[in-house]
PDB file of N, CA and C in Angstrom:
ATOM      1  N   UNK A   1      12.247 -34.141 -31.372  1.00  0.00           N
ATOM      2  CA  UNK A   1      11.784 -32.987 -32.110  1.00  0.00           C
ATOM      3  C   UNK A   1      12.462 -31.725 -31.555  1.00  0.00           C
ATOM      4  N   UNK A   2      13.007 -30.901 -32.411  1.00  0.00           N
ATOM      5  CA  UNK A   2      13.682 -29.677 -31.994  1.00  0.00           C
ATOM      6  C   UNK A   2      12.664 -28.569 -31.768  1.00  0.00           C
ATOM      7  N   UNK A   3      12.900 -27.809 -30.704  1.00  0.00           N
ATOM      8  CA  UNK A   3      12.003 -26.691 -30.413  1.00  0.00           C
ATOM      9  C   UNK A   3      12.649 -25.401 -30.875  1.00  0.00           C
ATOM     10  N   UNK A   4      11.836 -24.479 -31.235  1.00  0.00           N
ATOM     11  CA  UNK A   4      12.297 -23.170 -31.676  1.00  0.00           C
ATOM     12  C   UNK A   4      12.826 -22.397 -30.463  1.00  0.00           C
ATOM     13  N   UNK A   5      14.060 -21.883 -30.494  1.00  0.00           N
ATOM     14  CA  UNK A   5      14.594 -21.133 -29.343  1.00  0.00           C
ATOM     15  C   UNK A   5      13.769 -19.897 -29.009  1.00  0.00           C
ATOM     16  N   UNK A   6      13.146 -19.283 -30.003  1.00  0.00           N
ATOM     17  CA  UNK A   6      12.320 -18.100 -29.725  1.00  0.00           C
ATOM     18  C   UNK A   6      11.102 -18.480 -28.904  1.00  0.00           C
ATOM     19  N   UNK A   7      10.577 -19.683 -29.122  1.00  0.00           N
ATOM     20  CA  UNK A   7       9.433 -20.151 -28.346  1.00  0.00           C
ATOM     21  C   UNK A   7       9.814 -20.293 -26.874  1.00  0.00           C
ATOM     22  N   UNK A   8      11.008 -20.825 -26.623  1.00  0.00           N
ATOM     23  CA  UNK A   8      11.461 -20.986 -25.249  1.00  0.00           C
ATOM     24  C   UNK A   8      11.685 -19.630 -24.586  1.00  0.00           C
ATOM     25  N   UNK A   9      12.210 -18.687 -25.334  1.00  0.00           N
ATOM     26  CA  UNK A   9      12.437 -17.349 -24.790  1.00  0.00           C
ATOM     27  C   UNK A   9      11.108 -16.693 -24.438  1.00  0.00           C
ATOM     28  N   UNK A  10      10.116 -16.854 -25.296  1.00  0.00           N
ATOM     29  CA  UNK A  10       8.796 -16.309 -25.017  1.00  0.00           C
ATOM     30  C   UNK A  10       8.163 -16.961 -23.809  1.00  0.00           C
ATOM     31  N   UNK A  11       8.404 -18.250 -23.637  1.00  0.00           N
ATOM     32  CA  UNK A  11       7.861 -18.956 -22.482  1.00  0.00           C
ATOM     33  C   UNK A  11       8.478 -18.396 -21.193  1.00  0.00           C
ATOM     34  N   UNK A  12       9.761 -18.111 -21.211  1.00  0.00           N
ATOM     35  CA  UNK A  12      10.414 -17.540 -20.032  1.00  0.00           C
ATOM     36  C   UNK A  12       9.856 -16.175 -19.693  1.00  0.00           C
ATOM     37  N   UNK A  13       9.597 -15.374 -20.722  1.00  0.00           N
ATOM     38  CA  UNK A  13       9.020 -14.049 -20.475  1.00  0.00           C
ATOM     39  C   UNK A  13       7.624 -14.155 -19.880  1.00  0.00           C
ATOM     40  N   UNK A  14       6.839 -15.105 -20.350  1.00  0.00           N
ATOM     41  CA  UNK A  14       5.498 -15.303 -19.815  1.00  0.00           C
ATOM     42  C   UNK A  14       5.579 -15.742 -18.355  1.00  0.00           C
ATOM     43  N   UNK A  15       6.523 -16.595 -18.029  1.00  0.00           N
ATOM     44  CA  UNK A  15       6.685 -17.031 -16.636  1.00  0.00           C
ATOM     45  C   UNK A  15       7.067 -15.856 -15.742  1.00  0.00           C
ATOM     46  N   UNK A  16       7.970 -15.012 -16.187  1.00  0.00           N
ATOM     47  CA  UNK A  16       8.335 -13.830 -15.406  1.00  0.00           C
ATOM     48  C   UNK A  16       7.139 -12.891 -15.247  1.00  0.00           C
ATOM     49  N   UNK A  17       6.360 -12.736 -16.295  1.00  0.00           N
ATOM     50  CA  UNK A  17       5.181 -11.872 -16.210  1.00  0.00           C
ATOM     51  C   UNK A  17       4.168 -12.430 -15.215  1.00  0.00           C
ATOM     52  N   UNK A  18       3.964 -13.737 -15.206  1.00  0.00           N
ATOM     53  CA  UNK A  18       3.034 -14.343 -14.249  1.00  0.00           C
ATOM     54  C   UNK A  18       3.523 -14.165 -12.810  1.00  0.00           C
ATOM     55  N   UNK A  19       4.815 -14.317 -12.590  1.00  0.00           N
ATOM     56  CA  UNK A  19       5.371 -14.103 -11.249  1.00  0.00           C
ATOM     57  C   UNK A  19       5.176 -12.649 -10.835  1.00  0.00           C
ATOM     58  N   UNK A  20       5.419 -11.714 -11.748  1.00  0.00           N
ATOM     59  CA  UNK A  20       5.250 -10.292 -11.451  1.00  0.00           C
ATOM     60  C   UNK A  20       3.798  -9.973 -11.119  1.00  0.00           C
ATOM     61  N   UNK A  21       2.863 -10.546 -11.865  1.00  0.00           N
ATOM     62  CA  UNK A  21       1.439 -10.328 -11.579  1.00  0.00           C
ATOM     63  C   UNK A  21       1.076 -10.906 -10.221  1.00  0.00           C
ATOM     64  N   UNK A  22       1.585 -12.080  -9.891  1.00  0.00           N
ATOM     65  CA  UNK A  22       1.304 -12.691  -8.598  1.00  0.00           C
ATOM     66  C   UNK A  22       1.828 -11.824  -7.451  1.00  0.00           C
ATOM     67  N   UNK A  23       3.034 -11.318  -7.590  1.00  0.00           N
ATOM     68  CA  UNK A  23       3.607 -10.449  -6.554  1.00  0.00           C
ATOM     69  C   UNK A  23       2.782  -9.167  -6.432  1.00  0.00           C
ATOM     70  N   UNK A  24       2.355  -8.599  -7.547  1.00  0.00           N
ATOM     71  CA  UNK A  24       1.549  -7.378  -7.502  1.00  0.00           C
ATOM     72  C   UNK A  24       0.220  -7.624  -6.801  1.00  0.00           C
ATOM     73  N   UNK A  25      -0.413  -8.755  -7.074  1.00  0.00           N
ATOM     74  CA  UNK A  25      -1.692  -9.072  -6.420  1.00  0.00           C
ATOM     75  C   UNK A  25      -1.489  -9.237  -4.919  1.00  0.00           C
ATOM     76  N   UNK A  26      -0.431  -9.908  -4.514  1.00  0.00           N
ATOM     77  CA  UNK A  26      -0.153 -10.100  -3.086  1.00  0.00           C
ATOM     78  C   UNK A  26       0.084  -8.750  -2.408  1.00  0.00           C
ATOM     79  N   UNK A  27       0.841  -7.864  -3.033  1.00  0.00           N
ATOM     80  CA  UNK A  27       1.110  -6.543  -2.457  1.00  0.00           C
ATOM     81  C   UNK A  27      -0.182  -5.741  -2.342  1.00  0.00           C
ATOM     82  N   UNK A  28      -1.034  -5.798  -3.349  1.00  0.00           N
ATOM     83  CA  UNK A  28      -2.297  -5.058  -3.309  1.00  0.00           C
ATOM     84  C   UNK A  28      -3.187  -5.581  -2.192  1.00  0.00           C
ATOM     85  N   UNK A  29      -3.255  -6.887  -2.014  1.00  0.00           N
ATOM     86  CA  UNK A  29      -4.076  -7.463  -0.943  1.00  0.00           C
ATOM     87  C   UNK A  29      -3.539  -7.052   0.422  1.00  0.00           C
ATOM     88  N   UNK A  30      -2.231  -7.101   0.589  1.00  0.00           N
ATOM     89  CA  UNK A  30      -1.637  -6.717   1.876  1.00  0.00           C
ATOM     90  C   UNK A  30      -1.902  -5.244   2.168  1.00  0.00           C
ATOM     91  N   UNK A  31      -1.740  -4.381   1.166  1.00  0.00           N
ATOM     92  CA  UNK A  31      -1.994  -2.956   1.377  1.00  0.00           C
ATOM     93  C   UNK A  31      -3.466  -2.684   1.648  1.00  0.00           C
ATOM     94  N   UNK A  32      -4.359  -3.434   1.010  1.00  0.00           N
ATOM     95  CA  UNK A  32      -5.787  -3.243   1.249  1.00  0.00           C
ATOM     96  C   UNK A  32      -6.152  -3.637   2.674  1.00  0.00           C
ATOM     97  N   UNK A  33      -5.515  -4.681   3.184  1.00  0.00           N
ATOM     98  CA  UNK A  33      -5.818  -5.129   4.543  1.00  0.00           C
ATOM     99  C   UNK A  33      -5.145  -4.264   5.604  1.00  0.00           C
ATOM    100  N   UNK A  34      -3.929  -3.844   5.353  1.00  0.00           N
ATOM    101  CA  UNK A  34      -3.163  -3.106   6.361  1.00  0.00           C
ATOM    102  C   UNK A  34      -3.155  -1.604   6.128  1.00  0.00           C
ATOM    103  N   UNK A  35      -3.751  -1.127   5.058  1.00  0.00           N
ATOM    104  CA  UNK A  35      -3.725   0.296   4.733  1.00  0.00           C
ATOM    105  C   UNK A  35      -4.248   1.194   5.828  1.00  0.00           C
ATOM    106  N   UNK A  36      -5.458   0.919   6.344  1.00  0.00           N
ATOM    107  CA  UNK A  36      -5.964   1.788   7.418  1.00  0.00           C
ATOM    108  C   UNK A  36      -5.093   1.775   8.673  1.00  0.00           C
ATOM    109  N   UNK A  37      -4.557   0.628   9.020  1.00  0.00           N
ATOM    110  CA  UNK A  37      -3.691   0.550  10.203  1.00  0.00           C
ATOM    111  C   UNK A  37      -2.422   1.361  10.000  1.00  0.00           C
ATOM    112  N   UNK A  38      -1.850   1.275   8.811  1.00  0.00           N
ATOM    113  CA  UNK A  38      -0.641   2.039   8.509  1.00  0.00           C
ATOM    114  C   UNK A  38      -0.960   3.537   8.526  1.00  0.00           C
ATOM    115  N   UNK A  39      -2.117   3.917   7.985  1.00  0.00           N
ATOM    116  CA  UNK A  39      -2.529   5.321   8.020  1.00  0.00           C
ATOM    117  C   UNK A  39      -2.685   5.837   9.437  1.00  0.00           C
ATOM    118  N   UNK A  40      -3.249   5.016  10.314  1.00  0.00           N
ATOM    119  CA  UNK A  40      -3.394   5.417  11.716  1.00  0.00           C
ATOM    120  C   UNK A  40      -2.041   5.585  12.396  1.00  0.00           C
ATOM    121  N   UNK A  41      -1.110   4.726  12.070  1.00  0.00           N
ATOM    122  CA  UNK A  41       0.232   4.838  12.660  1.00  0.00           C
ATOM    123  C   UNK A  41       0.877   6.153  12.247  1.00  0.00           C
ATOM    124  N   UNK A  42       0.787   6.495  10.961  1.00  0.00           N
ATOM    125  CA  UNK A  42       1.377   7.749  10.502  1.00  0.00           C
ATOM    126  C   UNK A  42       0.648   8.951  11.107  1.00  0.00           C
ATOM    127  N   UNK A  43      -0.670   8.854  11.261  1.00  0.00           N
ATOM    128  CA  UNK A  43      -1.417   9.944  11.886  1.00  0.00           C
ATOM    129  C   UNK A  43      -0.988  10.140  13.336  1.00  0.00           C
ATOM    130  N   UNK A  44      -0.793   9.042  14.040  1.00  0.00           N
ATOM    131  CA  UNK A  44      -0.342   9.138  15.434  1.00  0.00           C
ATOM    132  C   UNK A  44       1.046   9.752  15.519  1.00  0.00           C
ATOM    133  N   UNK A  45       1.923   9.400  14.593  1.00  0.00           N
ATOM    134  CA  UNK A  45       3.272   9.968  14.591  1.00  0.00           C
ATOM    135  C   UNK A  45       3.203  11.464  14.323  1.00  0.00           C
ATOM    136  N   UNK A  46       2.402  11.872  13.349  1.00  0.00           N
ATOM    137  CA  UNK A  46       2.277  13.295  13.032  1.00  0.00           C
ATOM    138  C   UNK A  46       1.678  14.060  14.203  1.00  0.00           C
ATOM    139  N   UNK A  47       0.656  13.490  14.832  1.00  0.00           N
ATOM    140  CA  UNK A  47       0.031  14.156  15.974  1.00  0.00           C
ATOM    141  C   UNK A  47       0.979  14.266  17.159  1.00  0.00           C
ATOM    142  N   UNK A  48       1.831  13.274  17.357  1.00  0.00           N
ATOM    143  CA  UNK A  48       2.768  13.349  18.474  1.00  0.00           C
ATOM    144  C   UNK A  48       3.882  14.356  18.196  1.00  0.00           C
ATOM    145  N   UNK A  49       4.229  14.561  16.922  1.00  0.00           N
ATOM    146  CA  UNK A  49       5.264  15.534  16.590  1.00  0.00           C
ATOM    147  C   UNK A  49       4.747  16.964  16.663  1.00  0.00           C
ATOM    148  N   UNK A  50       3.476  17.167  16.318  1.00  0.00           N
ATOM    149  CA  UNK A  50       2.910  18.507  16.304  1.00  0.00           C
ATOM    150  C   UNK A  50       1.491  18.462  16.879  1.00  0.00           C
ATOM    151  N   UNK A  51       1.355  18.421  18.201  1.00  0.00           N
ATOM    152  CA  UNK A  51       0.025  18.277  18.793  1.00  0.00           C
ATOM    153  C   UNK A  51      -0.862  19.510  18.595  1.00  0.00           C
ATOM    154  N   UNK A  52      -0.298  20.673  18.339  1.00  0.00           N
ATOM    155  CA  UNK A  52      -1.131  21.860  18.172  1.00  0.00           C
ATOM    156  C   UNK A  52      -1.865  21.856  16.839  1.00  0.00           C
ATOM    157  N   UNK A  53      -1.376  21.111  15.865  1.00  0.00           N
ATOM    158  CA  UNK A  53      -2.027  21.070  14.553  1.00  0.00           C
ATOM    159  C   UNK A  53      -3.405  20.438  14.656  1.00  0.00           C
ATOM    160  N   UNK A  54      -3.540  19.415  15.497  1.00  0.00           N
ATOM    161  CA  UNK A  54      -4.845  18.775  15.634  1.00  0.00           C
ATOM    162  C   UNK A  54      -5.804  19.667  16.398  1.00  0.00           C
ATOM    163  N   UNK A  55      -5.301  20.441  17.338  1.00  0.00           N
ATOM    164  CA  UNK A  55      -6.167  21.351  18.083  1.00  0.00           C
ATOM    165  C   UNK A  55      -6.660  22.469  17.178  1.00  0.00           C
ATOM    166  N   UNK A  56      -5.823  22.934  16.269  1.00  0.00           N
ATOM    167  CA  UNK A  56      -6.232  23.996  15.363  1.00  0.00           C
ATOM    168  C   UNK A  56      -7.193  23.456  14.308  1.00  0.00           C
ATOM    169  N   UNK A  57      -6.999  22.216  13.883  1.00  0.00           N
ATOM    170  CA  UNK A  57      -7.825  21.660  12.838  1.00  0.00           C
ATOM    171  C   UNK A  57      -9.221  21.336  13.367  1.00  0.00           C
ATOM    172  N   UNK A  58      -9.314  20.854  14.588  1.00  0.00           N
ATOM    173  CA  UNK A  58     -10.606  20.482  15.172  1.00  0.00           C
ATOM    174  C   UNK A  58     -10.735  21.147  16.537  1.00  0.00           C
ATOM    175  N   UNK A  59     -11.202  22.378  16.592  1.00  0.00           N
ATOM    176  CA  UNK A  59     -11.308  23.063  17.879  1.00  0.00           C
ATOM    177  C   UNK A  59     -12.391  22.423  18.745  1.00  0.00           C
ATOM    178  N   UNK A  60     -12.133  22.424  20.032  1.00  0.00           N
ATOM    179  CA  UNK A  60     -13.106  21.855  20.954  1.00  0.00           C
ATOM    180  C   UNK A  60     -14.250  22.811  21.164  1.00  0.00           C
ATOM    181  N   UNK A  61     -15.472  22.306  21.174  1.00  0.00           N
ATOM    182  CA  UNK A  61     -16.612  23.202  21.369  1.00  0.00           C
ATOM    183  C   UNK A  61     -16.658  23.746  22.798  1.00  0.00           C
ATOM    184  N   UNK A  62     -17.093  24.977  22.937  1.00  0.00           N
ATOM    185  CA  UNK A  62     -17.220  25.584  24.270  1.00  0.00           C
ATOM    186  C   UNK A  62     -18.633  25.353  24.769  1.00  0.00           C
ATOM    187  N   UNK A  63     -18.773  25.022  26.030  1.00  0.00           N
ATOM    188  CA  UNK A  63     -20.123  24.811  26.566  1.00  0.00           C
ATOM    189  C   UNK A  63     -20.875  26.133  26.670  1.00  0.00           C
ATOM    190  N   UNK A  64     -22.140  26.100  26.310  1.00  0.00           N
ATOM    191  CA  UNK A  64     -22.943  27.307  26.385  1.00  0.00           C
ATOM    192  C   UNK A  64     -23.554  27.448  27.762  1.00  0.00           C
ATOM    193  N   UNK A  65     -23.634  28.674  28.272  1.00  0.00           N
ATOM    194  CA  UNK A  65     -24.158  28.918  29.631  1.00  0.00           C
ATOM    195  C   UNK A  65     -25.606  29.257  29.606  1.00  0.00           C
TER     196      UNK A  65
END
């Protein structure tokens, strides 16, 4: 039985779409798990480059006498 070539082309597109969805789900899961750690790394880099910015943003309280 002969198959319609358009059907085969559509099947290939569906396979590519499923692979793309799978890759997107994997990337989202990885970012959800590693997101806070990556944010902390960037915060540490920014703080090491400009340590006075953190002191200005969160001033240390002075003890009352």
